Protein backbone atom coordinates (compact mmCIF):
# COMPACT_ATOMS: atom_id res chain seq x y z
CA GLN A 1 83.26 105.13 107.53
CA SER A 2 86.58 104.15 108.59
CA PHE A 3 88.67 106.93 107.13
CA MET A 4 86.46 109.38 109.60
CA PHE A 5 87.50 107.05 112.49
CA LEU A 6 91.01 107.14 111.63
CA ILE A 7 90.96 111.19 111.37
CA ARG A 8 89.18 111.04 114.68
CA LEU A 9 91.83 108.75 116.26
CA ALA A 10 94.71 110.80 114.94
CA LEU A 11 93.21 114.08 116.30
CA ALA A 12 92.48 112.39 119.57
CA ALA A 13 95.87 110.93 120.08
CA SER A 14 97.35 114.42 119.34
CA PHE A 15 95.00 116.07 121.89
CA GLY A 16 95.09 113.38 124.47
CA TYR A 17 98.91 113.29 124.49
CA VAL A 18 99.22 117.15 124.81
CA GLY A 19 96.60 117.19 127.24
CA ILE A 20 98.17 114.60 129.70
CA SER A 21 101.61 115.96 128.90
CA SER A 22 100.51 119.43 130.08
CA PHE A 23 99.79 117.92 133.60
CA VAL A 24 103.13 115.82 133.58
CA ASN A 25 105.78 118.25 131.95
CA PRO A 26 104.13 121.59 131.71
CA ASP A 27 107.68 123.17 131.13
CA LEU A 28 107.51 121.74 127.82
CA TRP A 29 104.46 123.68 126.91
CA ALA A 30 104.74 126.93 128.82
CA GLY A 31 106.75 128.57 125.77
CA PHE A 32 103.87 128.06 123.67
CA VAL A 33 101.28 130.15 125.95
CA PRO A 34 100.83 133.49 124.47
CA GLY A 35 102.10 136.38 126.50
CA PHE A 36 98.54 138.09 126.89
CA VAL A 37 97.36 134.88 128.55
CA GLY A 38 100.18 134.79 131.10
CA ALA A 39 99.04 138.38 131.96
CA ILE A 40 95.39 137.33 132.65
CA ILE A 41 96.02 134.05 134.18
CA PRO A 42 99.16 132.29 135.58
CA VAL A 43 100.78 129.88 133.03
CA ALA A 44 100.77 126.92 135.07
CA THR A 45 96.71 127.44 135.66
CA PHE A 46 96.19 128.01 132.05
CA LEU A 47 98.03 124.90 131.22
CA LYS A 48 96.14 122.91 133.58
CA ILE A 49 92.76 124.34 132.26
CA HIS A 50 93.76 123.87 128.64
CA GLY A 51 95.26 120.25 129.14
CA ALA A 52 92.00 119.27 130.81
CA LEU A 53 89.90 120.89 128.01
CA GLU A 54 92.37 118.86 125.48
CA ALA A 55 91.88 115.55 127.17
CA ILE A 56 88.09 115.96 127.07
CA LEU A 57 88.42 116.82 123.45
CA ALA A 58 90.51 113.75 122.73
CA LEU A 59 87.73 111.65 124.55
CA TRP A 60 84.79 113.53 122.43
CA LEU A 61 86.69 113.02 119.01
CA LEU A 62 86.95 109.26 120.03
CA SER A 63 83.15 108.91 120.97
CA GLY A 64 82.25 109.85 117.38
CA LYS A 65 79.40 112.04 118.74
CA ALA A 66 78.64 115.36 117.34
CA GLN A 67 81.58 114.81 114.89
CA MET A 68 80.88 118.07 112.98
CA TRP A 69 81.27 120.17 116.08
CA SER A 70 84.18 118.20 117.86
CA GLY A 71 85.66 118.56 114.28
CA LEU A 72 85.24 122.47 114.41
CA VAL A 73 86.37 122.63 118.02
CA ALA A 74 89.35 120.90 117.07
CA ALA A 75 90.27 122.84 114.07
CA LEU A 76 89.83 126.30 115.81
CA ALA A 77 92.08 125.12 118.76
CA LEU A 78 94.80 123.81 116.28
CA PHE A 79 94.65 126.92 113.89
CA SER A 80 94.99 129.30 117.04
CA ILE A 81 97.73 127.41 118.33
CA ALA A 82 99.48 127.87 114.94
CA VAL A 83 98.50 131.77 114.63
CA PHE A 84 99.58 132.60 118.22
CA ASN A 85 103.09 130.65 117.62
CA LEU A 86 103.95 131.55 114.29
CA SER A 87 107.81 132.07 115.65
CA ALA A 88 107.76 128.52 116.22
CA TRP A 89 106.70 127.65 112.62
CA ASP A 90 108.92 124.88 112.35
CA ILE A 91 107.12 123.06 115.13
CA VAL A 92 103.45 124.32 114.83
CA PHE A 93 103.29 123.82 111.01
CA ARG A 94 101.98 120.40 111.84
CA ASP A 95 98.64 122.14 113.78
CA VAL A 96 97.71 123.50 110.42
CA ALA A 97 97.94 120.07 109.03
CA LEU A 98 95.77 118.47 111.84
CA GLY A 99 93.46 121.40 111.81
CA LEU A 100 92.82 120.76 108.05
CA CYS A 101 91.95 116.98 108.96
CA ALA A 102 89.81 118.48 111.49
CA LEU A 103 87.93 120.21 109.10
CA ALA A 104 87.34 116.96 107.17
CA LEU A 105 85.16 116.03 110.19
CA VAL A 106 83.33 119.38 109.83
CA PHE A 107 82.89 119.03 105.96
CA ASN A 108 81.71 115.46 106.40
CA GLY A 109 78.70 116.80 108.01
CA SER A 110 76.38 114.92 110.55
CA LYS A 111 76.92 111.69 108.32
CA LYS A 112 76.99 108.70 110.62
CA SER A 113 80.60 107.37 111.38
CA ILE A 114 81.81 104.44 113.23
């Protein structure tokens, strides 16, 4: 189904961009790291780990393998970003919209996609 591919492509582009940008320009993203995370691990280290995981998620989404599970991981990641950054709602409202797109992958189930 080409519409599922387009959803995966859109999500992968978002996760891929942020994942790479976390390494290239971490200062852009440091403000979105919740304070409690910074108390556990240095923000710079967290951004590298999180950026790498987002890049991996982007590749997973593009692969189309285990689409239901990659969609669930993507939705949880996006909704958690929104929840932990409600003070930046003017920016993170987009994460909610993308999270709903990711749920489309979950609800599409294990149907074969391109």
